[in-house]
Amino acid sequence: MSNEVLTGAQAVIRSLELLGVDTVFGLPGGAILPTYDPLMDSKIIRHILVRHEQGAGHAAEGYASSSGKLGVCIATSGPGATNLVTAIADAHMDSVPLLAITGQVGSHLIGTDAFQEADIVGITMPITKHNWLVKDVNDLPRVMHEAFHIARSGRPGPVLVDVPVDVFRAIVEYDPDEVQNIEISSFKSDFKVHKVQVKRAAELIAQAKKPVLYVGGGAKAAGAEHLVQALAHKTGFPVTTTLHGLGTFPENDPLSLGMLGMHGTAYANLAVEHCDLLIAIGARFDDRVPGKVSAFAQNAKVIHFDIDPGEINKVRRADVSIVGNCAEALEALLPLVDETQDISEWC
């Protein structure tokens, strides 16, 4: 592909097209306005006009959750950008891949408390996986591709790219081949499943008499629904899910206990209370589930599958932890477990 001479705004839209984005949610405003001409000219991307920037953020979240794609929202500087904060924080808590693109006041005005200036990078630092203030238009194509990669890699989450209005208007030579082959050496997300830990998990499973599968949204994010079902049906273990794990296991299956926790079923909570092995798959022991952690599954050993090493032992200590993609971990585990083992103590 040949190089193109584009404005910064055109480079943003071109990057989204190359990255496979087909829908963005947004509301026009002064600092973001330069992106709207190339956005309206795009034959690939459709723009959904909202009535409030917070609606753009939540719509992008819903789009990402239902489609499995990256959700993209755009807003102008100052109050436009700060209106996205609730949606960004929600995406951060729920591990939703979200890209927020915000306009910013001109570079020469940053730090002067200019009209509609807000430090959106500073504001969102605790609630994004990463964020950027792009001061040089030559960095913009690279940043767009880095943002896409970071939002979707490992544990998904939100990122934010803040662009001063003069950078949108500046000219850049856009090399599609170069930006699509970006490597981020400082960002590690491809944790490989440790085979020794998988073997240890299989040994605990073989010893269990009253096991329960506790399945969260991470299993859905990994596309591991069929593997969760295969593990349950091969072992005969009952299954309970979190709110975000709903859909990973059929509710009408005889092994389904329904949802766990404060708003879950009585029998799911009772099963976890009395189980001797809790197998947490892509679940983070959110406080709506265990309540008082010291009394949660207190007689059970715990196997914890999670792509985010920061979640291991954060709330509940795991006897065996398996860090990595849930689908890869379950594929490695399935051949090591017995067909419908004896769990007659549940009966």
Protein backbone atom coordinates (compact mmCIF):
# COMPACT_ATOMS: atom_id res chain seq x y z
CA MET A 1 0.00 0.00 0.00
CA SER A 2 1.35 3.41 -0.95
CA ASN A 3 1.82 6.31 1.42
CA GLU A 4 -0.91 8.94 1.69
CA VAL A 5 -0.65 12.61 2.56
CA LEU A 6 -3.47 13.29 5.03
CA THR A 7 -4.55 15.70 7.70
CA GLY A 8 -4.42 14.41 11.25
CA ALA A 9 -8.21 14.08 11.22
CA GLN A 10 -8.11 12.05 8.01
CA ALA A 11 -5.37 9.87 9.51
CA VAL A 12 -7.61 9.09 12.49
CA ILE A 13 -10.48 7.98 10.26
CA ARG A 14 -8.13 6.10 7.91
CA SER A 15 -6.69 4.23 10.90
CA LEU A 16 -10.16 3.25 12.10
CA GLU A 17 -11.01 1.96 8.61
CA LEU A 18 -7.81 -0.12 8.42
CA LEU A 19 -8.48 -1.51 11.89
CA GLY A 20 -11.90 -2.79 10.85
CA VAL A 21 -14.03 -0.27 12.73
CA ASP A 22 -17.44 0.13 11.09
CA THR A 23 -19.38 2.15 13.69
CA VAL A 24 -18.58 5.11 15.92
CA PHE A 25 -20.81 6.94 18.38
CA GLY A 26 -20.37 10.64 18.96
CA LEU A 27 -21.51 14.22 19.27
CA PRO A 28 -19.87 17.08 17.31
CA GLY A 29 -18.18 20.01 19.01
CA GLY A 30 -15.53 22.60 18.18
CA ALA A 31 -12.29 20.71 18.93
CA ILE A 32 -13.44 17.40 17.42
CA LEU A 33 -15.13 18.98 14.38
CA PRO A 34 -12.19 18.45 11.96
CA THR A 35 -12.76 14.67 12.16
CA TYR A 36 -16.36 14.94 10.99
CA ASP A 37 -15.61 15.80 7.35
CA PRO A 38 -13.50 12.68 6.73
CA LEU A 39 -15.90 10.67 8.88
CA MET A 40 -18.85 11.72 6.73
CA ASP A 41 -16.80 10.94 3.59
CA SER A 42 -16.00 7.42 4.80
CA LYS A 43 -17.68 4.60 2.86
CA ILE A 44 -16.86 2.13 5.65
CA ILE A 45 -17.70 3.82 8.95
CA ARG A 46 -21.15 4.94 10.00
CA HIS A 47 -21.58 7.59 12.66
CA ILE A 48 -24.34 7.26 15.25
CA LEU A 49 -25.32 10.71 16.51
CA VAL A 50 -26.19 10.78 20.21
CA ARG A 51 -27.76 13.49 22.37
CA HIS A 52 -25.12 13.40 25.10
CA GLU A 53 -21.51 12.23 25.14
CA GLN A 54 -22.19 9.84 28.01
CA GLY A 55 -24.69 8.14 25.72
CA ALA A 56 -21.94 7.77 23.10
CA GLY A 57 -19.70 6.04 25.62
CA HIS A 58 -22.36 3.65 26.88
CA ALA A 59 -23.56 2.91 23.33
CA ALA A 60 -19.99 2.06 22.32
CA GLU A 61 -19.77 -0.21 25.39
CA GLY A 62 -22.96 -2.01 24.44
CA TYR A 63 -21.80 -2.35 20.85
CA ALA A 64 -18.47 -3.84 21.97
CA SER A 65 -20.11 -6.25 24.42
CA SER A 66 -22.66 -7.53 21.92
CA SER A 67 -20.45 -7.66 18.81
CA GLY A 68 -17.06 -8.62 20.23
CA LYS A 69 -15.53 -5.70 18.32
CA LEU A 70 -13.89 -2.53 19.61
CA GLY A 71 -16.37 0.14 20.71
CA VAL A 72 -15.44 3.64 19.55
CA CYS A 73 -16.81 6.94 20.84
CA ILE A 74 -15.78 10.51 20.01
CA ALA A 75 -16.31 13.78 21.87
CA THR A 76 -15.07 17.32 21.88
CA SER A 77 -12.83 18.97 24.49
CA GLY A 78 -13.68 20.02 28.03
CA PRO A 79 -17.23 19.07 29.03
CA GLY A 80 -17.58 16.83 25.98
CA ALA A 81 -14.62 14.75 27.07
CA THR A 82 -15.51 14.73 30.76
CA ASN A 83 -19.02 13.51 29.91
CA LEU A 84 -17.38 10.26 28.73
CA VAL A 85 -15.85 9.54 32.14
CA THR A 86 -18.68 7.41 33.55
CA ALA A 87 -18.76 5.19 30.47
CA ILE A 88 -14.96 4.85 30.47
CA ALA A 89 -14.97 3.89 34.16
CA ASP A 90 -17.75 1.37 33.50
CA ALA A 91 -15.78 -0.17 30.61
CA HIS A 92 -12.74 -0.37 32.88
CA MET A 93 -14.67 -2.22 35.60
CA ASP A 94 -16.37 -4.56 33.12
CA SER A 95 -13.32 -5.22 30.89
CA VAL A 96 -14.95 -3.83 27.75
CA PRO A 97 -12.66 -2.87 24.82
CA LEU A 98 -13.39 0.83 24.26
CA LEU A 99 -11.56 3.56 22.33
CA ALA A 100 -12.45 7.13 23.27
CA ILE A 101 -11.18 9.82 20.87
CA THR A 102 -11.42 13.33 22.25
CA GLY A 103 -10.65 16.71 20.80
CA GLN A 104 -8.49 19.11 22.81
CA VAL A 105 -7.89 22.84 22.69
CA GLY A 106 -5.02 24.04 20.49
CA SER A 107 -1.53 22.97 21.57
CA HIS A 108 -0.49 26.55 22.39
CA LEU A 109 -3.46 26.89 24.76
CA ILE A 110 -2.91 23.73 26.80
CA GLY A 111 -2.23 24.63 30.43
CA THR A 112 -3.71 28.13 30.18
CA ASP A 113 -7.21 27.21 31.41
CA ALA A 114 -8.49 28.02 27.95
CA PHE A 115 -12.17 27.88 27.00
CA GLN A 116 -13.35 24.24 27.24
CA GLU A 117 -9.94 22.95 28.28
CA ALA A 118 -9.85 19.93 30.61
CA ASP A 119 -7.00 17.55 31.38
CA ILE A 120 -8.89 14.48 30.20
CA VAL A 121 -5.67 12.42 30.09
CA GLY A 122 -5.06 13.13 33.78
CA ILE A 123 -8.71 12.62 34.68
CA THR A 124 -8.95 9.21 32.99
CA MET A 125 -5.53 7.85 33.92
CA PRO A 126 -6.90 5.65 36.76
CA ILE A 127 -9.73 4.27 34.61
CA THR A 128 -8.00 3.45 31.32
CA LYS A 129 -5.50 0.79 30.35
CA HIS A 130 -3.50 3.58 28.73
CA ASN A 131 -4.09 7.04 27.30
CA TRP A 132 -2.27 9.53 25.07
CA LEU A 133 -2.14 13.28 24.46
CA VAL A 134 -0.87 13.50 20.86
CA LYS A 135 1.11 16.70 20.39
CA ASP A 136 2.82 15.75 17.11
CA VAL A 137 0.73 14.76 14.09
CA ASN A 138 3.48 12.34 13.00
CA ASP A 139 2.75 10.26 16.12
CA LEU A 140 -0.98 10.07 15.47
CA PRO A 141 -1.14 7.03 13.10
CA ARG A 142 1.11 5.01 15.42
CA VAL A 143 -0.89 5.98 18.51
CA MET A 144 -4.17 4.98 16.89
CA HIS A 145 -2.87 1.49 16.15
CA GLU A 146 -1.29 1.17 19.60
CA ALA A 147 -4.59 2.17 21.19
CA PHE A 148 -6.49 -0.46 19.20
CA HIS A 149 -3.98 -3.15 20.18
CA ILE A 150 -3.92 -2.30 23.88
CA ALA A 151 -7.72 -2.02 24.21
CA ARG A 152 -8.27 -5.51 22.78
CA SER A 153 -5.20 -7.40 24.03
CA GLY A 154 -5.03 -9.40 27.24
CA ARG A 155 -7.81 -8.32 29.56
CA PRO A 156 -9.84 -5.93 27.38
CA GLY A 157 -10.48 -2.40 28.56
CA PRO A 158 -10.78 1.27 27.63
CA VAL A 159 -8.12 3.54 26.15
CA LEU A 160 -8.27 7.24 25.31
CA VAL A 161 -6.59 9.32 22.60
CA ASP A 162 -6.71 13.09 23.15
CA VAL A 163 -5.84 15.24 20.13
CA PRO A 164 -5.42 19.04 20.04
CA VAL A 165 -7.44 20.67 17.27
CA ASP A 166 -4.30 21.97 15.49
CA VAL A 167 -2.94 18.41 15.32
CA PHE A 168 -6.16 17.32 13.60
CA ARG A 169 -5.53 20.03 10.99
CA ALA A 170 -1.80 19.37 10.51
CA ILE A 171 -0.43 17.28 7.62
CA VAL A 172 1.12 13.84 8.00
CA GLU A 173 2.52 11.24 5.62
CA TYR A 174 0.54 8.11 6.40
CA ASP A 175 2.22 4.75 5.78
CA PRO A 176 -0.43 2.00 6.21
CA ASP A 177 2.13 -0.82 6.16
CA GLU A 178 4.32 0.74 8.84
CA VAL A 179 1.54 1.43 11.35
CA GLN A 180 -0.03 -2.01 10.96
CA ASN A 181 3.20 -3.73 12.01
CA ILE A 182 3.66 -1.89 15.30
CA GLU A 183 5.10 -3.84 18.23
CA ILE A 184 4.79 -2.56 21.81
CA SER A 185 7.67 -4.14 23.71
CA SER A 186 6.67 -2.58 27.06
CA PHE A 187 3.11 -3.96 26.98
CA LYS A 188 2.81 -7.63 27.92
CA SER A 189 -0.54 -9.34 27.51
CA ASP A 190 0.18 -12.71 25.89
CA PHE A 191 0.68 -14.74 29.07
CA LYS A 192 1.19 -18.38 28.14
CA VAL A 193 -0.77 -20.98 30.06
CA HIS A 194 1.60 -22.89 32.39
CA LYS A 195 1.23 -26.62 31.78
CA VAL A 196 2.39 -27.53 35.31
CA GLN A 197 -0.39 -25.39 36.79
CA VAL A 198 -2.94 -27.02 34.48
CA LYS A 199 -1.76 -30.44 35.67
CA ARG A 200 -2.09 -29.33 39.31
CA ALA A 201 -5.62 -28.14 38.59
CA ALA A 202 -6.49 -31.52 37.07
CA GLU A 203 -5.19 -33.25 40.22
CA LEU A 204 -7.40 -31.10 42.47
CA ILE A 205 -10.39 -31.76 40.21
CA ALA A 206 -9.80 -35.53 40.44
CA GLN A 207 -9.91 -35.32 44.25
CA ALA A 208 -13.07 -33.22 44.46
CA LYS A 209 -16.32 -34.67 45.76
CA LYS A 210 -18.44 -31.51 45.72
CA PRO A 211 -17.05 -29.23 43.02
CA VAL A 212 -18.65 -26.14 41.42
CA LEU A 213 -17.71 -24.27 38.26
CA TYR A 214 -17.91 -20.50 38.88
CA VAL A 215 -17.91 -18.79 35.47
CA GLY A 216 -17.44 -15.06 34.84
CA GLY A 217 -17.33 -12.61 31.98
CA GLY A 218 -13.73 -13.51 31.19
CA ALA A 219 -14.89 -16.84 29.77
CA LYS A 220 -17.23 -15.01 27.41
CA ALA A 221 -14.54 -12.49 26.43
CA ALA A 222 -12.23 -15.39 25.56
CA GLY A 223 -14.90 -17.08 23.44
CA ALA A 224 -14.67 -20.10 25.74
CA GLU A 225 -18.39 -20.83 26.12
CA HIS A 226 -18.19 -24.16 24.28
CA LEU A 227 -15.21 -25.21 26.39
CA VAL A 228 -16.99 -24.36 29.65
CA GLN A 229 -19.91 -26.47 28.49
CA ALA A 230 -17.59 -29.28 27.42
CA LEU A 231 -15.86 -29.29 30.84
CA ALA A 232 -19.17 -29.32 32.71
CA HIS A 233 -20.63 -32.13 30.61
CA LYS A 234 -17.48 -34.23 30.72
CA THR A 235 -17.15 -34.00 34.51
CA GLY A 236 -20.79 -33.57 35.50
CA PHE A 237 -19.89 -30.53 37.63
CA PRO A 238 -22.69 -28.02 38.37
CA VAL A 239 -22.21 -24.52 36.94
CA THR A 240 -22.97 -21.08 38.35
CA THR A 241 -22.26 -17.79 36.60
CA THR A 242 -21.77 -14.15 37.44
CA LEU A 243 -23.93 -11.43 35.89
CA HIS A 244 -21.39 -10.91 33.10
CA GLY A 245 -20.97 -14.65 32.75
CA LEU A 246 -24.62 -15.16 31.83
CA GLY A 247 -24.80 -16.80 28.43
CA THR A 248 -21.68 -18.90 28.82
CA PHE A 249 -23.77 -21.85 30.01
CA PRO A 250 -27.40 -22.62 29.08
CA GLU A 251 -29.78 -21.76 31.92
CA ASN A 252 -32.01 -24.73 31.02
CA ASP A 253 -29.16 -27.24 31.27
CA PRO A 254 -29.61 -29.73 34.16
CA LEU A 255 -26.18 -28.72 35.47
CA SER A 256 -27.02 -25.01 35.60
CA LEU A 257 -27.41 -23.41 39.03
CA GLY A 258 -28.11 -19.98 37.57
CA MET A 259 -26.46 -16.79 38.75
CA LEU A 260 -24.40 -16.56 41.93
CA GLY A 261 -24.21 -13.86 44.56
CA MET A 262 -26.40 -11.20 46.12
CA HIS A 263 -28.83 -11.21 43.20
CA GLY A 264 -28.42 -14.87 42.33
CA THR A 265 -30.33 -18.05 43.11
CA ALA A 266 -30.48 -19.56 46.58
CA TYR A 267 -29.29 -22.96 45.35
CA ALA A 268 -26.25 -21.47 43.57
CA ASN A 269 -25.18 -19.76 46.78
CA LEU A 270 -25.85 -22.85 48.87
CA ALA A 271 -23.83 -25.01 46.47
CA VAL A 272 -20.84 -22.68 46.72
CA GLU A 273 -21.20 -22.51 50.49
CA HIS A 274 -20.92 -26.30 50.76
CA CYS A 275 -18.56 -27.12 47.88
CA ASP A 276 -15.06 -28.53 48.42
CA LEU A 277 -13.61 -27.18 45.16
CA LEU A 278 -14.47 -23.88 43.47
CA ILE A 279 -13.23 -23.56 39.89
CA ALA A 280 -13.30 -19.86 38.98
CA ILE A 281 -13.08 -19.28 35.24
CA GLY A 282 -12.66 -15.66 34.18
CA ALA A 283 -14.29 -14.38 37.38
CA ARG A 284 -12.81 -11.80 39.74
CA PHE A 285 -14.69 -12.48 43.01
CA ASP A 286 -16.53 -9.17 42.75
CA ASP A 287 -18.01 -8.13 46.11
CA ARG A 288 -21.57 -8.71 44.84
CA VAL A 289 -20.69 -12.43 44.72
CA PRO A 290 -18.85 -13.43 47.92
CA GLY A 291 -20.13 -10.72 50.26
CA LYS A 292 -18.07 -11.49 53.36
CA VAL A 293 -14.99 -13.05 51.77
CA SER A 294 -13.92 -14.96 54.90
CA ALA A 295 -17.24 -16.83 54.86
CA PHE A 296 -17.33 -17.45 51.11
CA ALA A 297 -16.75 -21.10 50.12
CA GLN A 298 -14.71 -21.36 53.30
CA ASN A 299 -14.31 -25.14 53.10
CA ALA A 300 -13.31 -25.15 49.44
CA LYS A 301 -10.03 -25.18 47.61
CA VAL A 302 -9.89 -22.70 44.73
CA ILE A 303 -8.66 -22.98 41.15
CA HIS A 304 -8.56 -19.56 39.50
CA PHE A 305 -8.28 -19.07 35.72
CA ASP A 306 -7.70 -15.44 34.69
CA ILE A 307 -5.88 -13.55 31.95
CA ASP A 308 -5.01 -10.73 34.35
CA PRO A 309 -2.31 -11.72 36.88
CA GLY A 310 -3.40 -8.78 39.03
CA GLU A 311 -6.66 -10.59 39.82
CA ILE A 312 -4.95 -13.68 41.23
CA ASN A 313 -5.12 -13.68 45.06
CA LYS A 314 -6.52 -10.13 45.04
CA VAL A 315 -9.76 -11.06 46.81
CA ARG A 316 -9.58 -14.79 47.50
CA ARG A 317 -6.41 -16.87 47.73
CA ALA A 318 -6.14 -19.50 45.01
CA ASP A 319 -4.71 -22.95 45.68
CA VAL A 320 -3.93 -23.22 41.97
CA SER A 321 -3.78 -20.21 39.65
CA ILE A 322 -3.65 -20.39 35.87
CA VAL A 323 -2.81 -17.09 34.18
CA GLY A 324 -3.63 -16.83 30.49
CA ASN A 325 -6.43 -16.99 27.98
CA CYS A 326 -9.33 -19.03 29.42
CA ALA A 327 -9.95 -20.82 26.13
CA GLU A 328 -6.32 -21.98 25.89
CA ALA A 329 -6.33 -23.06 29.53
CA LEU A 330 -9.55 -25.07 29.20
CA GLU A 331 -8.32 -26.72 26.01
CA ALA A 332 -5.23 -27.85 27.92
CA LEU A 333 -7.29 -29.02 30.93
CA LEU A 334 -10.04 -30.98 29.17
CA PRO A 335 -7.91 -34.01 28.15
CA LEU A 336 -6.66 -34.32 31.75
CA VAL A 337 -10.02 -34.67 33.50
CA ASP A 338 -12.06 -37.84 33.86
CA GLU A 339 -15.38 -38.52 32.21
CA THR A 340 -18.23 -37.85 34.68
CA GLN A 341 -16.27 -38.47 37.87
CA ASP A 342 -17.90 -39.53 41.13
CA ILE A 343 -19.55 -36.51 42.76
CA SER A 344 -22.32 -38.51 44.41
CA GLU A 345 -21.96 -36.50 47.62
CA TRP A 346 -23.89 -33.73 45.85
CA CYS A 347 -26.87 -36.07 45.40
